[in-house]
Amino acid sequence: ERTVQILRENATAVSHSADIYQWDRVNTEV
């Protein structure tokens, strides 16, 4: 359950970071 929650949070962070062109953050989250 915790792992699925982490996946959801990181997927949201990828979307947000990509939207503002923060590629270092995108790479970290992926």
Full PDB file with SEQRES, HELIX, SHEET, SSBOND, CRYST1, ORIGX, SCALE, CONECT and MASTER records, all heavy atoms in Angstrom:
SEQRES   1 A   30  GLU ARG THR VAL GLN ILE LEU ARG GLU ASN ALA THR ALA          
SEQRES   2 A   30  VAL SER HIS SER ALA ASP ILE TYR GLN TRP ASP ARG VAL          
SEQRES   3 A   30  ASN THR GLU VAL                                              
HELIX    1 AA1 ARG A    2  ASP A   19  1                                  18    
HELIX    2 AA2 TRP A   23  GLU A   29  1                                   7    
CRYST1    1.000    1.000    1.000  90.00  90.00  90.00 P 1           1          
ORIGX1      1.000000  0.000000  0.000000        0.00000                         
ORIGX2      0.000000  1.000000  0.000000        0.00000                         
ORIGX3      0.000000  0.000000  1.000000        0.00000                         
SCALE1      1.000000  0.000000  0.000000        0.00000                         
SCALE2      0.000000  1.000000  0.000000        0.00000                         
SCALE3      0.000000  0.000000  1.000000        0.00000                         
ATOM      1  N   GLU A   1       0.838  -1.208   0.000  1.00  0.00           N  
ATOM      2  CA  GLU A   1       0.000   0.000   0.000  1.00  0.00           C  
ATOM      3  C   GLU A   1       0.867   1.250   0.000  1.00  0.00           C  
ATOM      4  O   GLU A   1       0.587   2.213  -0.717  1.00  0.00           O  
ATOM      5  CB  GLU A   1      -0.910   0.017   1.223  1.00  0.00           C  
ATOM      6  CG  GLU A   1      -2.049  -0.952   1.172  1.00  0.00           C  
ATOM      7  CD  GLU A   1      -2.863  -0.955   2.447  1.00  0.00           C  
ATOM      8  OE1 GLU A   1      -2.769   0.020   3.222  1.00  0.00           O  
ATOM      9  OE2 GLU A   1      -3.591  -1.923   2.667  1.00  0.00           O  
ATOM     10  N   ARG A   2       1.902   1.236   0.800  1.00  0.00           N  
ATOM     11  CA  ARG A   2       2.814   2.390   0.876  1.00  0.00           C  
ATOM     12  C   ARG A   2       3.531   2.578  -0.459  1.00  0.00           C  
ATOM     13  O   ARG A   2       3.714   3.705  -0.921  1.00  0.00           O  
ATOM     14  CB  ARG A   2       3.818   2.195   2.022  1.00  0.00           C  
ATOM     15  CG  ARG A   2       4.823   3.300   2.143  1.00  0.00           C  
ATOM     16  CD  ARG A   2       4.183   4.634   2.535  1.00  0.00           C  
ATOM     17  NE  ARG A   2       5.204   5.659   2.551  1.00  0.00           N  
ATOM     18  CZ  ARG A   2       5.060   6.858   2.013  1.00  0.00           C  
ATOM     19  NH1 ARG A   2       3.926   7.215   1.481  1.00  0.00           N  
ATOM     20  NH2 ARG A   2       6.044   7.717   2.041  1.00  0.00           N  
ATOM     21  N   THR A   3       3.937   1.492  -1.092  1.00  0.00           N  
ATOM     22  CA  THR A   3       4.621   1.582  -2.383  1.00  0.00           C  
ATOM     23  C   THR A   3       3.699   2.158  -3.448  1.00  0.00           C  
ATOM     24  O   THR A   3       4.119   3.000  -4.252  1.00  0.00           O  
ATOM     25  CB  THR A   3       5.140   0.200  -2.807  1.00  0.00           C  
ATOM     26  OG1 THR A   3       5.994  -0.310  -1.769  1.00  0.00           O  
ATOM     27  CG2 THR A   3       5.925   0.281  -4.098  1.00  0.00           C  
ATOM     28  N   VAL A   4       2.452   1.740  -3.455  1.00  0.00           N  
ATOM     29  CA  VAL A   4       1.476   2.283  -4.412  1.00  0.00           C  
ATOM     30  C   VAL A   4       1.268   3.775  -4.153  1.00  0.00           C  
ATOM     31  O   VAL A   4       1.191   4.572  -5.087  1.00  0.00           O  
ATOM     32  CB  VAL A   4       0.144   1.503  -4.346  1.00  0.00           C  
ATOM     33  CG1 VAL A   4      -0.951   2.212  -5.122  1.00  0.00           C  
ATOM     34  CG2 VAL A   4       0.335   0.093  -4.870  1.00  0.00           C  
ATOM     35  N   GLN A   5       1.220   4.157  -2.889  1.00  0.00           N  
ATOM     36  CA  GLN A   5       1.075   5.578  -2.540  1.00  0.00           C  
ATOM     37  C   GLN A   5       2.288   6.370  -3.040  1.00  0.00           C  
ATOM     38  O   GLN A   5       2.144   7.467  -3.581  1.00  0.00           O  
ATOM     39  CB  GLN A   5       0.932   5.739  -1.033  1.00  0.00           C  
ATOM     40  CG  GLN A   5       0.771   7.174  -0.588  1.00  0.00           C  
ATOM     41  CD  GLN A   5       0.694   7.301   0.933  1.00  0.00           C  
ATOM     42  OE1 GLN A   5       0.768   6.320   1.658  1.00  0.00           O  
ATOM     43  NE2 GLN A   5       0.566   8.521   1.397  1.00  0.00           N  
ATOM     44  N   ILE A   6       3.478   5.813  -2.874  1.00  0.00           N  
ATOM     45  CA  ILE A   6       4.699   6.477  -3.361  1.00  0.00           C  
ATOM     46  C   ILE A   6       4.647   6.630  -4.879  1.00  0.00           C  
ATOM     47  O   ILE A   6       4.994   7.690  -5.421  1.00  0.00           O  
ATOM     48  CB  ILE A   6       5.951   5.692  -2.928  1.00  0.00           C  
ATOM     49  CG1 ILE A   6       6.165   5.840  -1.423  1.00  0.00           C  
ATOM     50  CG2 ILE A   6       7.186   6.136  -3.699  1.00  0.00           C  
ATOM     51  CD1 ILE A   6       7.220   4.907  -0.858  1.00  0.00           C  
ATOM     52  N   LEU A   7       4.195   5.582  -5.566  1.00  0.00           N  
ATOM     53  CA  LEU A   7       4.082   5.663  -7.028  1.00  0.00           C  
ATOM     54  C   LEU A   7       3.119   6.775  -7.441  1.00  0.00           C  
ATOM     55  O   LEU A   7       3.405   7.532  -8.373  1.00  0.00           O  
ATOM     56  CB  LEU A   7       3.624   4.320  -7.595  1.00  0.00           C  
ATOM     57  CG  LEU A   7       4.687   3.237  -7.700  1.00  0.00           C  
ATOM     58  CD1 LEU A   7       4.048   1.883  -7.954  1.00  0.00           C  
ATOM     59  CD2 LEU A   7       5.674   3.576  -8.808  1.00  0.00           C  
ATOM     60  N   ARG A   8       1.997   6.870  -6.766  1.00  0.00           N  
ATOM     61  CA  ARG A   8       1.021   7.930  -7.086  1.00  0.00           C  
ATOM     62  C   ARG A   8       1.615   9.320  -6.863  1.00  0.00           C  
ATOM     63  O   ARG A   8       1.461  10.217  -7.697  1.00  0.00           O  
ATOM     64  CB  ARG A   8      -0.225   7.769  -6.231  1.00  0.00           C  
ATOM     65  CG  ARG A   8      -1.132   6.684  -6.672  1.00  0.00           C  
ATOM     66  CD  ARG A   8      -2.436   6.696  -5.895  1.00  0.00           C  
ATOM     67  NE  ARG A   8      -3.227   5.553  -6.289  1.00  0.00           N  
ATOM     68  CZ  ARG A   8      -3.704   4.662  -5.449  1.00  0.00           C  
ATOM     69  NH1 ARG A   8      -3.504   4.787  -4.154  1.00  0.00           N  
ATOM     70  NH2 ARG A   8      -4.407   3.649  -5.888  1.00  0.00           N  
ATOM     71  N   GLU A   9       2.258   9.510  -5.727  1.00  0.00           N  
ATOM     72  CA  GLU A   9       2.855  10.816  -5.409  1.00  0.00           C  
ATOM     73  C   GLU A   9       3.927  11.189  -6.424  1.00  0.00           C  
ATOM     74  O   GLU A   9       3.994  12.343  -6.872  1.00  0.00           O  
ATOM     75  CB  GLU A   9       3.452  10.794  -4.003  1.00  0.00           C  
ATOM     76  CG  GLU A   9       2.418  10.728  -2.899  1.00  0.00           C  
ATOM     77  CD  GLU A   9       3.022  10.466  -1.538  1.00  0.00           C  
ATOM     78  OE1 GLU A   9       4.256  10.324  -1.428  1.00  0.00           O  
ATOM     79  OE2 GLU A   9       2.246  10.409  -0.560  1.00  0.00           O  
ATOM     80  N   ASN A  10       4.763  10.231  -6.793  1.00  0.00           N  
ATOM     81  CA  ASN A  10       5.832  10.519  -7.745  1.00  0.00           C  
ATOM     82  C   ASN A  10       5.283  10.767  -9.149  1.00  0.00           C  
ATOM     83  O   ASN A  10       5.833  11.580  -9.894  1.00  0.00           O  
ATOM     84  CB  ASN A  10       6.861   9.397  -7.747  1.00  0.00           C  
ATOM     85  CG  ASN A  10       7.701   9.389  -6.493  1.00  0.00           C  
ATOM     86  OD1 ASN A  10       7.872  10.410  -5.838  1.00  0.00           O  
ATOM     87  ND2 ASN A  10       8.216   8.239  -6.136  1.00  0.00           N  
ATOM     88  N   ALA A  11       4.208  10.078  -9.519  1.00  0.00           N  
ATOM     89  CA  ALA A  11       3.585  10.329 -10.825  1.00  0.00           C  
ATOM     90  C   ALA A  11       3.050  11.750 -10.891  1.00  0.00           C  
ATOM     91  O   ALA A  11       3.206  12.441 -11.909  1.00  0.00           O  
ATOM     92  CB  ALA A  11       2.478   9.314 -11.087  1.00  0.00           C  
ATOM     93  N   THR A  12       2.447  12.211  -9.802  1.00  0.00           N  
ATOM     94  CA  THR A  12       1.962  13.588  -9.746  1.00  0.00           C  
ATOM     95  C   THR A  12       3.122  14.570  -9.820  1.00  0.00           C  
ATOM     96  O   THR A  12       3.045  15.588 -10.518  1.00  0.00           O  
ATOM     97  CB  THR A  12       1.161  13.820  -8.446  1.00  0.00           C  
ATOM     98  OG1 THR A  12       0.095  12.875  -8.400  1.00  0.00           O  
ATOM     99  CG2 THR A  12       0.613  15.222  -8.380  1.00  0.00           C  
ATOM    100  N   ALA A  13       4.219  14.253  -9.126  1.00  0.00           N  
ATOM    101  CA  ALA A  13       5.392  15.134  -9.140  1.00  0.00           C  
ATOM    102  C   ALA A  13       6.021  15.198 -10.532  1.00  0.00           C  
ATOM    103  O   ALA A  13       6.485  16.259 -10.955  1.00  0.00           O  
ATOM    104  CB  ALA A  13       6.415  14.659  -8.117  1.00  0.00           C  
ATOM    105  N   VAL A  14       6.029  14.082 -11.246  1.00  0.00           N  
ATOM    106  CA  VAL A  14       6.563  14.081 -12.618  1.00  0.00           C  
ATOM    107  C   VAL A  14       5.743  15.002 -13.492  1.00  0.00           C  
ATOM    108  O   VAL A  14       6.280  15.820 -14.254  1.00  0.00           O  
ATOM    109  CB  VAL A  14       6.586  12.648 -13.207  1.00  0.00           C  
ATOM    110  CG1 VAL A  14       6.761  12.673 -14.718  1.00  0.00           C  
ATOM    111  CG2 VAL A  14       7.697  11.835 -12.577  1.00  0.00           C  
ATOM    112  N   SER A  15       4.444  14.888 -13.398  1.00  0.00           N  
ATOM    113  CA  SER A  15       3.559  15.717 -14.204  1.00  0.00           C  
ATOM    114  C   SER A  15       3.779  17.203 -13.905  1.00  0.00           C  
ATOM    115  O   SER A  15       3.901  18.023 -14.822  1.00  0.00           O  
ATOM    116  CB  SER A  15       2.107  15.331 -13.928  1.00  0.00           C  
ATOM    117  OG  SER A  15       1.240  16.122 -14.672  1.00  0.00           O  
ATOM    118  N   HIS A  16       3.853  17.536 -12.633  1.00  0.00           N  
ATOM    119  CA  HIS A  16       4.060  18.935 -12.245  1.00  0.00           C  
ATOM    120  C   HIS A  16       5.435  19.439 -12.681  1.00  0.00           C  
ATOM    121  O   HIS A  16       5.550  20.547 -13.231  1.00  0.00           O  
ATOM    122  CB  HIS A  16       3.906  19.086 -10.730  1.00  0.00           C  
ATOM    123  CG  HIS A  16       4.198  20.468 -10.241  1.00  0.00           C  
ATOM    124  ND1 HIS A  16       3.374  21.538 -10.519  1.00  0.00           N  
ATOM    125  CD2 HIS A  16       5.227  20.962  -9.510  1.00  0.00           C  
ATOM    126  CE1 HIS A  16       3.888  22.640  -9.984  1.00  0.00           C  
ATOM    127  NE2 HIS A  16       5.010  22.311  -9.361  1.00  0.00           N  
ATOM    128  N   SER A  17       6.463  18.665 -12.474  1.00  0.00           N  
ATOM    129  CA  SER A  17       7.821  19.088 -12.835  1.00  0.00           C  
ATOM    130  C   SER A  17       7.992  19.218 -14.343  1.00  0.00           C  
ATOM    131  O   SER A  17       8.676  20.119 -14.817  1.00  0.00           O  
ATOM    132  CB  SER A  17       8.850  18.108 -12.267  1.00  0.00           C  
ATOM    133  OG  SER A  17       8.808  18.118 -10.866  1.00  0.00           O  
ATOM    134  N   ALA A  18       7.369  18.313 -15.095  1.00  0.00           N  
ATOM    135  CA  ALA A  18       7.460  18.405 -16.556  1.00  0.00           C  
ATOM    136  C   ALA A  18       6.729  19.635 -17.058  1.00  0.00           C  
ATOM    137  O   ALA A  18       7.160  20.277 -18.023  1.00  0.00           O  
ATOM    138  CB  ALA A  18       6.883  17.150 -17.198  1.00  0.00           C  
ATOM    139  N   ASP A  19       5.645  19.972 -16.396  1.00  0.00           N  
ATOM    140  CA  ASP A  19       4.848  21.135 -16.804  1.00  0.00           C  
ATOM    141  C   ASP A  19       5.654  22.431 -16.684  1.00  0.00           C  
ATOM    142  O   ASP A  19       5.446  23.365 -17.455  1.00  0.00           O  
ATOM    143  CB  ASP A  19       3.587  21.211 -15.943  1.00  0.00           C  
ATOM    144  CG  ASP A  19       2.569  22.195 -16.489  1.00  0.00           C  
ATOM    145  OD1 ASP A  19       2.498  22.343 -17.728  1.00  0.00           O  
ATOM    146  OD2 ASP A  19       1.851  22.802 -15.683  1.00  0.00           O  
ATOM    147  N   ILE A  20       6.575  22.486 -15.736  1.00  0.00           N  
ATOM    148  CA  ILE A  20       7.395  23.701 -15.562  1.00  0.00           C  
ATOM    149  C   ILE A  20       8.845  23.486 -16.028  1.00  0.00           C  
ATOM    150  O   ILE A  20       9.733  24.235 -15.670  1.00  0.00           O  
ATOM    151  CB  ILE A  20       7.350  24.201 -14.104  1.00  0.00           C  
ATOM    152  CG1 ILE A  20       7.833  23.137 -13.130  1.00  0.00           C  
ATOM    153  CG2 ILE A  20       5.960  24.685 -13.747  1.00  0.00           C  
ATOM    154  CD1 ILE A  20       7.943  23.605 -11.691  1.00  0.00           C  
ATOM    155  N   TYR A  21       9.055  22.418 -16.804  1.00  0.00           N  
ATOM    156  CA  TYR A  21      10.345  22.130 -17.440  1.00  0.00           C  
ATOM    157  C   TYR A  21      11.499  21.975 -16.443  1.00  0.00           C  
ATOM    158  O   TYR A  21      12.601  22.438 -16.678  1.00  0.00           O  
ATOM    159  CB  TYR A  21      10.691  23.198 -18.484  1.00  0.00           C  
ATOM    160  CG  TYR A  21       9.668  23.299 -19.583  1.00  0.00           C  
ATOM    161  CD1 TYR A  21       8.710  24.292 -19.572  1.00  0.00           C  
ATOM    162  CD2 TYR A  21       9.659  22.381 -20.612  1.00  0.00           C  
ATOM    163  CE1 TYR A  21       7.750  24.377 -20.573  1.00  0.00           C  
ATOM    164  CE2 TYR A  21       8.709  22.450 -21.615  1.00  0.00           C  
ATOM    165  CZ  TYR A  21       7.764  23.450 -21.597  1.00  0.00           C  
ATOM    166  OH  TYR A  21       6.826  23.515 -22.591  1.00  0.00           O  
ATOM    167  N   GLN A  22      11.234  21.303 -15.335  1.00  0.00           N  
ATOM    168  CA  GLN A  22      12.279  21.009 -14.347  1.00  0.00           C  
ATOM    169  C   GLN A  22      12.792  19.590 -14.605  1.00  0.00           C  
ATOM    170  O   GLN A  22      12.396  18.633 -13.952  1.00  0.00           O  
ATOM    171  CB  GLN A  22      11.709  21.141 -12.927  1.00  0.00           C  
ATOM    172  CG  GLN A  22      11.301  22.524 -12.566  1.00  0.00           C  
ATOM    173  CD  GLN A  22      12.507  23.435 -12.425  1.00  0.00           C  
ATOM    174  OE1 GLN A  22      13.531  23.053 -11.881  1.00  0.00           O  
ATOM    175  NE2 GLN A  22      12.379  24.647 -12.934  1.00  0.00           N  
ATOM    176  N   TRP A  23      13.714  19.448 -15.557  1.00  0.00           N  
ATOM    177  CA  TRP A  23      14.120  18.124 -16.012  1.00  0.00           C  
ATOM    178  C   TRP A  23      14.918  17.355 -14.972  1.00  0.00           C  
ATOM    179  O   TRP A  23      14.844  16.123 -14.933  1.00  0.00           O  
ATOM    180  CB  TRP A  23      14.880  18.237 -17.332  1.00  0.00           C  
ATOM    181  CG  TRP A  23      13.981  18.779 -18.389  1.00  0.00           C  
ATOM    182  CD1 TRP A  23      14.057  19.987 -18.997  1.00  0.00           C  
ATOM    183  CD2 TRP A  23      12.797  18.159 -18.901  1.00  0.00           C  
ATOM    184  NE1 TRP A  23      13.008  20.155 -19.863  1.00  0.00           N  
ATOM    185  CE2 TRP A  23      12.223  19.042 -19.834  1.00  0.00           C  
ATOM    186  CE3 TRP A  23      12.159  16.941 -18.679  1.00  0.00           C  
ATOM    187  CZ2 TRP A  23      11.061  18.748 -20.532  1.00  0.00           C  
ATOM    188  CZ3 TRP A  23      10.997  16.645 -19.365  1.00  0.00           C  
ATOM    189  CH2 TRP A  23      10.463  17.545 -20.284  1.00  0.00           C  
ATOM    190  N   ASP A  24      15.668  18.039 -14.117  1.00  0.00           N  
ATOM    191  CA  ASP A  24      16.377  17.326 -13.050  1.00  0.00           C  
ATOM    192  C   ASP A  24      15.385  16.675 -12.093  1.00  0.00           C  
ATOM    193  O   ASP A  24      15.572  15.538 -11.658  1.00  0.00           O  
ATOM    194  CB  ASP A  24      17.302  18.264 -12.271  1.00  0.00           C  
ATOM    195  CG  ASP A  24      18.519  18.688 -13.080  1.00  0.00           C  
ATOM    196  OD1 ASP A  24      18.879  17.952 -14.029  1.00  0.00           O  
ATOM    197  OD2 ASP A  24      19.100  19.739 -12.761  1.00  0.00           O  
ATOM    198  N   ARG A  25      14.331  17.398 -11.773  1.00  0.00           N  
ATOM    199  CA  ARG A  25      13.288  16.833 -10.895  1.00  0.00           C  
ATOM    200  C   ARG A  25      12.560  15.684 -11.583  1.00  0.00           C  
ATOM    201  O   ARG A  25      12.230  14.682 -10.961  1.00  0.00           O  
ATOM    202  CB  ARG A  25      12.278  17.899 -10.502  1.00  0.00           C  
ATOM    203  CG  ARG A  25      12.812  18.902  -9.535  1.00  0.00           C  
ATOM    204  CD  ARG A  25      11.711  19.851  -9.136  1.00  0.00           C  
ATOM    205  NE  ARG A  25      12.235  20.970  -8.367  1.00  0.00           N  
ATOM    206  CZ  ARG A  25      11.540  22.037  -8.060  1.00  0.00           C  
ATOM    207  NH1 ARG A  25      10.293  22.156  -8.452  1.00  0.00           N  
ATOM    208  NH2 ARG A  25      12.082  23.005  -7.364  1.00  0.00           N  
ATOM    209  N   VAL A  26      12.285  15.852 -12.875  1.00  0.00           N  
ATOM    210  CA  VAL A  26      11.616  14.788 -13.629  1.00  0.00           C  
ATOM    211  C   VAL A  26      12.464  13.523 -13.581  1.00  0.00           C  
ATOM    212  O   VAL A  26      11.955  12.430 -13.303  1.00  0.00           O  
ATOM    213  CB  VAL A  26      11.359  15.220 -15.093  1.00  0.00           C  
ATOM    214  CG1 VAL A  26      10.935  14.029 -15.942  1.00  0.00           C  
ATOM    215  CG2 VAL A  26      10.313  16.321 -15.150  1.00  0.00           C  
ATOM    216  N   ASN A  27      13.762  13.667 -13.840  1.00  0.00           N  
ATOM    217  CA  ASN A  27      14.649  12.504 -13.821  1.00  0.00           C  
ATOM    218  C   ASN A  27      14.660  11.834 -12.446  1.00  0.00           C  
ATOM    219  O   ASN A  27      14.605  10.608 -12.342  1.00  0.00           O  
ATOM    220  CB  ASN A  27      16.067  12.908 -14.220  1.00  0.00           C  
ATOM    221  CG  ASN A  27      16.171  13.232 -15.684  1.00  0.00           C  
ATOM    222  OD1 ASN A  27      15.430  12.707 -16.507  1.00  0.00           O  
ATOM    223  ND2 ASN A  27      17.086  14.115 -16.030  1.00  0.00           N  
ATOM    224  N   THR A  28      14.716  12.636 -11.395  1.00  0.00           N  
ATOM    225  CA  THR A  28      14.722  12.090 -10.040  1.00  0.00           C  
ATOM    226  C   THR A  28      13.437  11.337  -9.740  1.00  0.00           C  
ATOM    227  O   THR A  28      13.462  10.220  -9.205  1.00  0.00           O  
ATOM    228  CB  THR A  28      14.917  13.221  -9.008  1.00  0.00           C  
ATOM    229  OG1 THR A  28      16.152  13.880  -9.280  1.00  0.00           O  
ATOM    230  CG2 THR A  28      14.928  12.683  -7.597  1.00  0.00           C  
ATOM    231  N   GLU A  29      12.310  11.930 -10.102  1.00  0.00           N  
ATOM    232  CA  GLU A  29      11.022  11.297  -9.815  1.00  0.00           C  
ATOM    233  C   GLU A  29      10.826  10.023 -10.635  1.00  0.00           C  
ATOM    234  O   GLU A  29      10.295   9.030 -10.122  1.00  0.00           O  
ATOM    235  CB  GLU A  29       9.870  12.270 -10.058  1.00  0.00           C  
ATOM    236  CG  GLU A  29       9.874  13.484  -9.166  1.00  0.00           C  
ATOM    237  CD  GLU A  29       9.817  13.160  -7.688  1.00  0.00           C  
ATOM    238  OE1 GLU A  29       9.241  12.124  -7.303  1.00  0.00           O  
ATOM    239  OE2 GLU A  29      10.348  13.949  -6.896  1.00  0.00           O  
ATOM    240  N   VAL A  30      11.240  10.031 -11.881  1.00  0.00           N  
ATOM    241  CA  VAL A  30      11.113   8.819 -12.697  1.00  0.00           C  
ATOM    242  C   VAL A  30      12.000   7.713 -12.132  1.00  0.00           C  
ATOM    243  O   VAL A  30      11.595   6.546 -12.081  1.00  0.00           O  
ATOM    244  CB  VAL A  30      11.420   9.106 -14.180  1.00  0.00           C  
ATOM    245  CG1 VAL A  30      11.484   7.818 -14.988  1.00  0.00           C  
ATOM    246  CG2 VAL A  30      10.366  10.026 -14.771  1.00  0.00           C  
TER     247      VAL A  30                                                      
MASTER        0    0    0    2    0    0    0    6  246    1    0    3          
END                                                                             
